Amino acid sequence: MTKDAAFIYTDAYLSYRFNDKHPFNQQRVILTKELLELSDRLSESDIIVPRRATDEEIALIHDPIYIDAVKKASIGKLEENDGYEYGLGTEDTPIFKNMHDASSLLVGGTLTAVETVLNGKANHALNLGGGLHHGFKRKASGFCIYNDGAIAIAYIRKKYNLRVLYVDTDAHHGDGVQWAFYDDPNVCTLSIHETGRYLFPGTGNVNERGIKDGHGYSFNLPIDAFTQDESFIELYESAFKKVAEYFKPDIIITQNGADAHFLDPLTHLCGSMKIYESIPQIAHEIAHKHCNGRWVALGGGGYDMWRVVPRAWAQIWNVMKHNNVLSGELPIKWVNKWQGQSPVSLPKNWYDQKESLPDIPRKAEIEEKNKKVLENAMKYTQIKAFKSE
């Protein structure tokens, strides 16, 4: 019997840890899992333990020389200057013990999610340990060592020969995945992110549309800093529906960075929990319309790991498994358990209090600019559709 959804998880995800001061902290995944369990939304039977990715699978995207460098770094045998060549040992991506094993487990989690869906064991699968979208062929970048999303797409193309739509709602541009398939007409990427004028990695402009046979299969929505819920949701929903209708995917992979929230310390977007209710609901709807429900969701960014990420990521599972979002109060057992460790006051509700939302004087101007971004980004779907008629 096919499950509605599968939750890919192991405590070993915590082994992907740079240092105590680094903003990328996989404790977010445990916080989310326990929030769901204490809300009676996640049971042991929903959980699938991930396998580890093989070197051959990682090499679908990453150069073997780079994989070897990561292995050497894992055991302290990579020279400092050599590490910089591969983006290792930097402030963003410090070297840590056993980093190859930890990274290959995250990749294996995403491959486990893909296999679970495409082998008919579940309609949807969630791997919150994945979503490391900045990794490149031979270089680590932006907290990401191996690019699990790109590896999963290459794996799907090789083993199943399916058309993949990748949708990225992280506040940072999904650059590593985009560039990996920039000339591939069977992989379509859509990224909605804060404009690169203000934020790493500085890419993701509207005019990045793909090259060669892949031209017209890369879509970017670089929205303005301080964008709030209404504009974000309008652009995301409109673009996602148009691109899915245009591309007609066989499976959808979503990257669900939770750093577009106004409390996130690394970005300048001003979304609230409303966008994290809408993001999975729209993905769920489109997956059932175009892909017989085949949908794999990944984690990603999100650096307020106490107040934002658990609530945002839990709603993905709530939609996947139960086809609704939760509202009202958070489980008091969860709040009481974690408040002692949290440096900030934990929220009491699934939603954000209205009085806590920031007042943005330029809201109307920002919304108008974002509408123009949407119009420019979606022009190509109309041109392509007209030519194919």
Protein backbone atom coordinates (compact mmCIF):
# COMPACT_ATOMS: atom_id res chain seq x y z
CA MET A 1 0.00 0.00 0.00
CA THR A 2 1.38 3.41 -1.00
CA LYS A 3 1.85 5.93 1.80
CA ASP A 4 0.70 9.50 1.37
CA ALA A 5 4.12 10.71 2.50
CA ALA A 6 7.45 9.59 3.94
CA PHE A 7 9.64 11.50 6.40
CA ILE A 8 13.35 10.85 5.81
CA TYR A 9 15.25 11.16 9.06
CA THR A 10 18.16 10.04 11.23
CA ASP A 11 19.74 11.57 14.32
CA ALA A 12 23.03 11.28 12.41
CA TYR A 13 22.04 14.39 10.41
CA LEU A 14 23.48 16.30 13.37
CA SER A 15 26.95 15.17 12.28
CA TYR A 16 26.84 17.83 9.51
CA ARG A 17 28.08 20.58 11.81
CA PHE A 18 30.78 23.14 11.10
CA ASN A 19 31.29 24.61 14.59
CA ASP A 20 29.33 25.98 17.53
CA LYS A 21 29.24 29.54 16.17
CA HIS A 22 28.28 28.68 12.59
CA PRO A 23 24.75 29.74 11.58
CA PHE A 24 24.02 26.45 9.77
CA ASN A 25 22.82 24.10 12.50
CA GLN A 26 21.05 20.82 11.78
CA GLN A 27 19.44 20.84 15.20
CA ARG A 28 16.66 22.56 13.23
CA VAL A 29 15.69 19.16 11.87
CA ILE A 30 15.30 17.63 15.34
CA LEU A 31 13.31 20.65 16.54
CA THR A 32 10.95 20.20 13.59
CA LYS A 33 10.60 16.45 14.04
CA GLU A 34 9.74 16.81 17.72
CA LEU A 35 7.30 19.62 17.03
CA LEU A 36 5.45 17.31 14.64
CA GLU A 37 5.56 14.37 17.03
CA LEU A 38 4.21 16.41 19.94
CA SER A 39 1.48 17.75 17.62
CA ASP A 40 0.46 14.14 16.85
CA ARG A 41 1.25 14.66 13.17
CA LEU A 42 4.28 12.38 12.78
CA SER A 43 4.54 8.74 13.84
CA GLU A 44 7.32 6.17 13.76
CA SER A 45 5.70 4.44 10.78
CA ASP A 46 6.11 7.62 8.69
CA ILE A 47 9.90 7.70 9.14
CA ILE A 48 12.38 6.14 6.72
CA VAL A 49 16.04 6.01 7.71
CA PRO A 50 18.25 7.34 4.89
CA ARG A 51 21.06 5.44 3.24
CA ARG A 52 24.44 6.97 2.49
CA ALA A 53 25.17 8.08 -1.10
CA THR A 54 27.95 6.27 -2.92
CA ASP A 55 30.94 8.08 -4.42
CA GLU A 56 29.61 7.17 -7.87
CA GLU A 57 26.31 8.87 -7.11
CA ILE A 58 27.99 11.98 -5.75
CA ALA A 59 30.13 12.03 -8.92
CA LEU A 60 26.99 12.49 -11.01
CA ILE A 61 27.54 16.18 -10.19
CA HIS A 62 30.85 16.57 -8.39
CA ASP A 63 34.32 16.05 -9.83
CA PRO A 64 36.10 12.99 -8.34
CA ILE A 65 39.08 15.24 -7.56
CA TYR A 66 36.81 17.39 -5.41
CA ILE A 67 35.29 14.36 -3.67
CA ASP A 68 38.81 13.19 -2.87
CA ALA A 69 39.63 16.63 -1.44
CA VAL A 70 36.59 16.45 0.85
CA LYS A 71 37.68 13.00 2.01
CA LYS A 72 41.18 14.27 2.79
CA ALA A 73 39.74 17.26 4.66
CA SER A 74 37.61 14.85 6.70
CA ILE A 75 40.71 13.27 8.22
CA GLY A 76 42.87 16.38 8.45
CA LYS A 77 45.06 15.62 5.45
CA LEU A 78 44.13 18.50 3.13
CA GLU A 79 46.61 21.35 2.98
CA GLU A 80 45.14 24.79 3.76
CA ASN A 81 45.93 26.29 0.35
CA ASP A 82 44.51 23.24 -1.41
CA GLY A 83 41.36 23.58 0.63
CA TYR A 84 40.78 27.15 -0.53
CA GLU A 85 40.90 25.97 -4.14
CA TYR A 86 37.89 23.77 -3.38
CA GLY A 87 36.05 26.25 -1.16
CA LEU A 88 36.97 24.24 1.95
CA GLY A 89 38.32 25.80 5.11
CA THR A 90 36.66 29.15 4.43
CA GLU A 91 34.55 31.16 6.87
CA ASP A 92 31.37 29.93 5.16
CA THR A 93 32.42 26.31 4.80
CA PRO A 94 34.92 25.38 7.51
CA ILE A 95 36.46 21.92 7.56
CA PHE A 96 35.12 19.52 10.18
CA LYS A 97 35.88 15.93 11.08
CA ASN A 98 34.22 13.25 8.93
CA MET A 99 32.66 15.88 6.67
CA HIS A 100 32.53 13.49 3.71
CA ASP A 101 30.49 10.92 5.62
CA ALA A 102 28.17 13.59 7.02
CA SER A 103 27.67 15.16 3.59
CA SER A 104 27.13 11.86 1.79
CA LEU A 105 24.42 11.00 4.33
CA LEU A 106 22.51 14.18 3.47
CA VAL A 107 22.79 13.29 -0.22
CA GLY A 108 21.68 9.75 0.55
CA GLY A 109 18.66 11.13 2.36
CA THR A 110 17.56 12.99 -0.74
CA LEU A 111 18.18 9.92 -2.92
CA THR A 112 16.16 7.87 -0.43
CA ALA A 113 13.32 10.38 -0.79
CA VAL A 114 13.50 10.13 -4.60
CA GLU A 115 13.54 6.33 -4.56
CA THR A 116 10.64 6.22 -2.12
CA VAL A 117 8.49 8.30 -4.45
CA LEU A 118 9.57 6.88 -7.81
CA ASN A 119 9.40 3.27 -6.62
CA GLY A 120 5.80 3.85 -5.60
CA LYS A 121 6.23 3.55 -1.83
CA ALA A 122 4.87 7.07 -1.19
CA ASN A 123 3.39 9.92 -3.19
CA HIS A 124 5.52 12.53 -1.41
CA ALA A 125 8.75 12.46 0.58
CA LEU A 126 10.41 15.06 2.81
CA ASN A 127 14.14 15.25 3.54
CA LEU A 128 14.74 18.26 5.75
CA GLY A 129 18.41 17.37 6.04
CA GLY A 130 18.91 18.18 2.37
CA GLY A 131 18.51 21.27 0.20
CA LEU A 132 22.19 22.27 0.03
CA HIS A 133 21.80 24.13 -3.24
CA HIS A 134 25.04 26.13 -3.44
CA GLY A 135 27.47 23.24 -3.98
CA PHE A 136 29.33 23.26 -7.34
CA LYS A 137 31.06 20.61 -9.43
CA ARG A 138 34.42 21.08 -7.76
CA LYS A 139 33.80 23.64 -5.05
CA ALA A 140 31.96 24.03 -1.75
CA SER A 141 29.99 27.24 -1.35
CA GLY A 142 27.53 28.89 1.02
CA PHE A 143 27.55 26.20 3.75
CA CYS A 144 27.08 23.48 1.12
CA ILE A 145 29.63 20.73 0.47
CA TYR A 146 27.73 18.33 -1.80
CA ASN A 147 24.69 19.53 -3.74
CA ASP A 148 22.12 16.87 -2.87
CA GLY A 149 19.35 18.44 -4.95
CA ALA A 150 21.45 18.51 -8.11
CA ILE A 151 22.71 14.97 -7.50
CA ALA A 152 19.13 13.77 -7.07
CA ILE A 153 18.07 15.40 -10.33
CA ALA A 154 21.01 13.83 -12.20
CA TYR A 155 20.09 10.49 -10.59
CA ILE A 156 16.48 10.81 -11.76
CA ARG A 157 17.56 11.70 -15.28
CA LYS A 158 19.98 8.75 -15.47
CA LYS A 159 17.89 6.04 -13.80
CA TYR A 160 14.31 7.04 -14.59
CA ASN A 161 14.63 9.41 -17.60
CA LEU A 162 11.99 11.77 -16.21
CA ARG A 163 11.52 15.51 -16.66
CA VAL A 164 12.27 17.33 -13.40
CA LEU A 165 10.95 20.68 -12.22
CA TYR A 166 13.07 22.11 -9.40
CA VAL A 167 11.49 24.96 -7.40
CA ASP A 168 13.58 26.89 -4.86
CA THR A 169 12.02 29.26 -2.31
CA ASP A 170 15.17 29.90 -0.27
CA ALA A 171 15.97 33.60 0.14
CA HIS A 172 19.30 32.88 -1.56
CA HIS A 173 19.39 32.04 -5.27
CA GLY A 174 19.55 28.32 -6.05
CA ASP A 175 22.70 28.83 -8.08
CA GLY A 176 24.36 25.41 -7.82
CA VAL A 177 21.33 23.56 -9.12
CA GLN A 178 20.62 26.10 -11.86
CA TRP A 179 24.15 26.03 -13.29
CA ALA A 180 24.33 22.22 -13.16
CA PHE A 181 21.44 21.94 -15.63
CA TYR A 182 21.72 25.25 -17.47
CA ASP A 183 21.87 23.55 -20.89
CA ASP A 184 19.44 20.70 -20.16
CA PRO A 185 15.91 20.99 -21.62
CA ASN A 186 14.67 18.12 -19.42
CA VAL A 187 15.37 19.97 -16.18
CA CYS A 188 13.56 23.22 -15.43
CA THR A 189 14.60 25.41 -12.50
CA LEU A 190 12.53 28.12 -10.84
CA SER A 191 14.02 30.20 -8.02
CA ILE A 192 12.32 32.99 -6.07
CA HIS A 193 14.88 34.78 -3.91
CA GLU A 194 16.06 38.13 -2.63
CA THR A 195 17.76 40.12 -5.36
CA GLY A 196 21.48 39.53 -5.64
CA ARG A 197 22.10 43.27 -5.32
CA TYR A 198 22.07 42.81 -1.57
CA LEU A 199 22.57 39.13 -0.86
CA PHE A 200 24.84 36.13 -1.53
CA PRO A 201 25.42 34.64 -4.07
CA GLY A 202 24.69 37.72 -6.21
CA THR A 203 23.17 35.73 -9.08
CA GLY A 204 19.66 34.78 -10.13
CA ASN A 205 18.78 37.62 -12.48
CA VAL A 206 15.71 37.44 -14.70
CA ASN A 207 17.89 37.19 -17.81
CA GLU A 208 19.50 33.92 -16.65
CA ARG A 209 17.34 31.71 -18.86
CA GLY A 210 19.61 28.80 -19.79
CA ILE A 211 21.86 28.12 -22.78
CA LYS A 212 21.87 25.88 -25.87
CA ASP A 213 19.00 23.36 -25.69
CA GLY A 214 18.34 24.47 -22.13
CA HIS A 215 17.49 28.03 -23.11
CA GLY A 216 14.05 28.85 -21.77
CA TYR A 217 14.17 26.34 -18.90
CA SER A 218 15.68 28.51 -16.19
CA PHE A 219 13.42 30.98 -14.39
CA ASN A 220 14.37 33.50 -11.72
CA LEU A 221 12.32 35.88 -9.60
CA PRO A 222 14.80 38.21 -7.84
CA ILE A 223 12.42 40.03 -5.50
CA ASP A 224 13.20 43.25 -3.66
CA ALA A 225 14.54 43.43 -0.12
CA PHE A 226 11.75 43.87 2.49
CA THR A 227 9.20 41.98 0.37
CA GLN A 228 6.27 40.85 2.52
CA ASP A 229 3.74 38.01 2.34
CA GLU A 230 1.28 39.18 -0.27
CA SER A 231 3.85 39.96 -2.94
CA PHE A 232 5.95 36.84 -2.25
CA ILE A 233 2.93 34.53 -2.46
CA GLU A 234 1.55 36.25 -5.56
CA LEU A 235 4.81 35.83 -7.48
CA TYR A 236 5.48 32.30 -6.24
CA GLU A 237 2.02 30.97 -7.04
CA SER A 238 1.71 32.67 -10.42
CA ALA A 239 5.18 31.65 -11.60
CA PHE A 240 4.96 28.07 -10.28
CA LYS A 241 1.63 27.45 -12.03
CA LYS A 242 2.75 28.99 -15.33
CA VAL A 243 6.09 27.19 -15.37
CA ALA A 244 4.53 23.83 -14.51
CA GLU A 245 1.95 24.24 -17.26
CA TYR A 246 4.70 25.22 -19.69
CA PHE A 247 7.22 22.52 -18.75
CA LYS A 248 4.88 19.63 -17.87
CA PRO A 249 7.16 17.86 -15.37
CA ASP A 250 7.11 14.20 -14.37
CA ILE A 251 8.27 14.97 -10.82
CA ILE A 252 8.70 18.11 -8.74
CA ILE A 253 11.55 18.74 -6.30
CA THR A 254 11.20 21.73 -3.99
CA GLN A 255 13.93 23.34 -1.90
CA ASN A 256 12.34 24.90 1.16
CA GLY A 257 14.79 27.29 2.75
CA ALA A 258 13.06 29.08 5.61
CA ASP A 259 15.10 32.29 5.51
CA ALA A 260 12.63 34.65 3.82
CA HIS A 261 11.07 35.32 7.24
CA PHE A 262 11.45 38.75 8.83
CA LEU A 263 13.24 37.23 11.84
CA ASP A 264 15.98 35.59 9.77
CA PRO A 265 19.34 37.19 10.67
CA LEU A 266 21.04 36.69 7.29
CA THR A 267 18.50 38.06 4.80
CA HIS A 268 16.37 41.15 4.21
CA LEU A 269 13.00 39.68 3.18
CA CYS A 270 10.04 40.25 5.48
CA GLY A 271 7.75 37.28 5.12
CA SER A 272 5.77 35.79 7.99
CA MET A 273 4.53 32.26 8.66
CA LYS A 274 1.81 32.88 6.05
CA ILE A 275 4.26 32.22 3.22
CA TYR A 276 5.29 28.93 4.83
CA GLU A 277 1.68 27.83 4.87
CA SER A 278 1.20 28.76 1.21
CA ILE A 279 4.46 27.36 -0.21
CA PRO A 280 3.71 23.67 0.43
CA GLN A 281 -0.01 23.97 -0.29
CA ILE A 282 0.67 25.30 -3.78
CA ALA A 283 3.40 22.72 -4.42
CA HIS A 284 1.05 19.95 -3.31
CA GLU A 285 -1.70 21.16 -5.62
CA ILE A 286 0.59 21.46 -8.63
CA ALA A 287 2.23 18.07 -8.01
CA HIS A 288 -1.15 16.37 -8.09
CA LYS A 289 -2.21 18.28 -11.18
CA HIS A 290 0.89 17.58 -13.26
CA CYS A 291 2.86 14.67 -11.72
CA ASN A 292 0.37 12.25 -10.17
CA GLY A 293 1.47 13.66 -6.82
CA ARG A 294 5.19 12.91 -7.26
CA TRP A 295 6.81 15.50 -5.03
CA VAL A 296 10.10 15.47 -3.11
CA ALA A 297 10.69 18.35 -0.68
CA LEU A 298 14.04 19.31 0.82
CA GLY A 299 15.17 21.65 3.60
CA GLY A 300 17.75 24.37 2.94
CA GLY A 301 18.53 27.70 4.56
CA GLY A 302 16.91 29.13 7.66
CA TYR A 303 18.95 30.70 10.41
CA ASP A 304 16.45 31.54 13.11
CA MET A 305 16.33 27.90 14.05
CA TRP A 306 14.27 28.40 17.21
CA ARG A 307 11.37 30.67 16.24
CA VAL A 308 11.06 30.18 12.49
CA VAL A 309 12.43 27.00 10.97
CA PRO A 310 10.57 24.36 13.02
CA ARG A 311 7.20 25.97 12.38
CA ALA A 312 7.91 26.57 8.69
CA TRP A 313 9.25 23.09 7.97
CA ALA A 314 6.56 21.35 10.01
CA GLN A 315 3.91 22.86 7.75
CA ILE A 316 5.48 21.11 4.73
CA TRP A 317 4.85 17.77 6.42
CA ASN A 318 1.39 18.84 7.58
CA VAL A 319 0.44 19.47 3.95
CA MET A 320 2.20 16.37 2.58
CA LYS A 321 0.71 13.95 5.08
CA HIS A 322 -2.53 15.58 6.19
CA ASN A 323 -3.34 18.02 3.35
CA ASN A 324 -3.75 20.94 5.75
CA VAL A 325 -1.73 23.33 7.89
CA LEU A 326 -1.91 23.62 11.65
CA SER A 327 -3.01 26.79 13.42
CA GLY A 328 -3.54 27.83 17.01
CA GLU A 329 -1.13 27.09 19.83
CA LEU A 330 2.08 25.10 19.62
CA PRO A 331 2.35 22.05 21.91
CA ILE A 332 3.26 23.34 25.36
CA LYS A 333 5.53 20.30 25.90
CA TRP A 334 7.63 21.36 22.91
CA VAL A 335 7.87 24.98 24.08
CA ASN A 336 8.77 23.97 27.63
CA LYS A 337 11.37 21.42 26.53
CA TRP A 338 13.32 23.75 24.27
CA GLN A 339 12.87 27.15 25.92
CA GLY A 340 15.72 26.46 28.33
CA GLN A 341 18.15 26.00 25.43
CA SER A 342 16.83 28.80 23.22
CA PRO A 343 18.51 32.23 23.50
CA VAL A 344 15.21 33.86 22.48
CA SER A 345 11.61 33.51 23.61
CA LEU A 346 9.92 30.74 21.66
CA PRO A 347 6.64 31.47 19.90
CA LYS A 348 3.45 30.13 21.44
CA ASN A 349 1.47 29.83 18.19
CA TRP A 350 1.88 28.43 14.69
CA TYR A 351 1.22 31.88 13.24
CA ASP A 352 3.03 35.18 13.85
CA GLN A 353 1.35 37.77 16.03
CA LYS A 354 0.17 40.68 13.87
CA GLU A 355 1.82 43.25 16.10
CA SER A 356 5.21 41.59 15.61
CA LEU A 357 5.21 42.10 11.83
CA PRO A 358 7.46 44.91 10.57
CA ASP A 359 6.00 48.06 9.06
CA ILE A 360 7.51 48.65 5.62
CA PRO A 361 6.93 52.23 4.36
CA ARG A 362 7.91 51.28 0.76
CA LYS A 363 5.50 48.33 0.58
CA ALA A 364 3.51 49.56 -2.44
CA GLU A 365 6.68 50.45 -4.34
CA ILE A 366 8.22 47.06 -3.60
CA GLU A 367 5.10 45.22 -4.72
CA GLU A 368 5.05 47.14 -8.00
CA LYS A 369 8.72 46.36 -8.68
CA ASN A 370 8.10 42.69 -7.96
CA LYS A 371 5.18 42.57 -10.40
CA LYS A 372 7.50 43.80 -13.13
CA VAL A 373 10.00 41.08 -12.19
CA LEU A 374 7.24 38.48 -12.56
CA GLU A 375 6.15 39.90 -15.90
CA ASN A 376 9.70 39.86 -17.29
CA ALA A 377 10.45 36.40 -15.94
CA MET A 378 7.30 34.82 -17.38
CA LYS A 379 7.50 36.37 -20.86
CA TYR A 380 9.40 33.40 -22.17
CA THR A 381 6.68 30.90 -21.22
CA GLN A 382 4.25 32.88 -23.38
CA ILE A 383 6.68 33.15 -26.31
CA LYS A 384 7.52 29.43 -26.17
CA ALA A 385 3.88 28.43 -25.88
CA PHE A 386 2.99 30.61 -28.88
CA LYS A 387 5.78 29.06 -31.00
CA SER A 388 4.69 25.52 -30.17
CA GLU A 389 1.07 26.07 -31.22
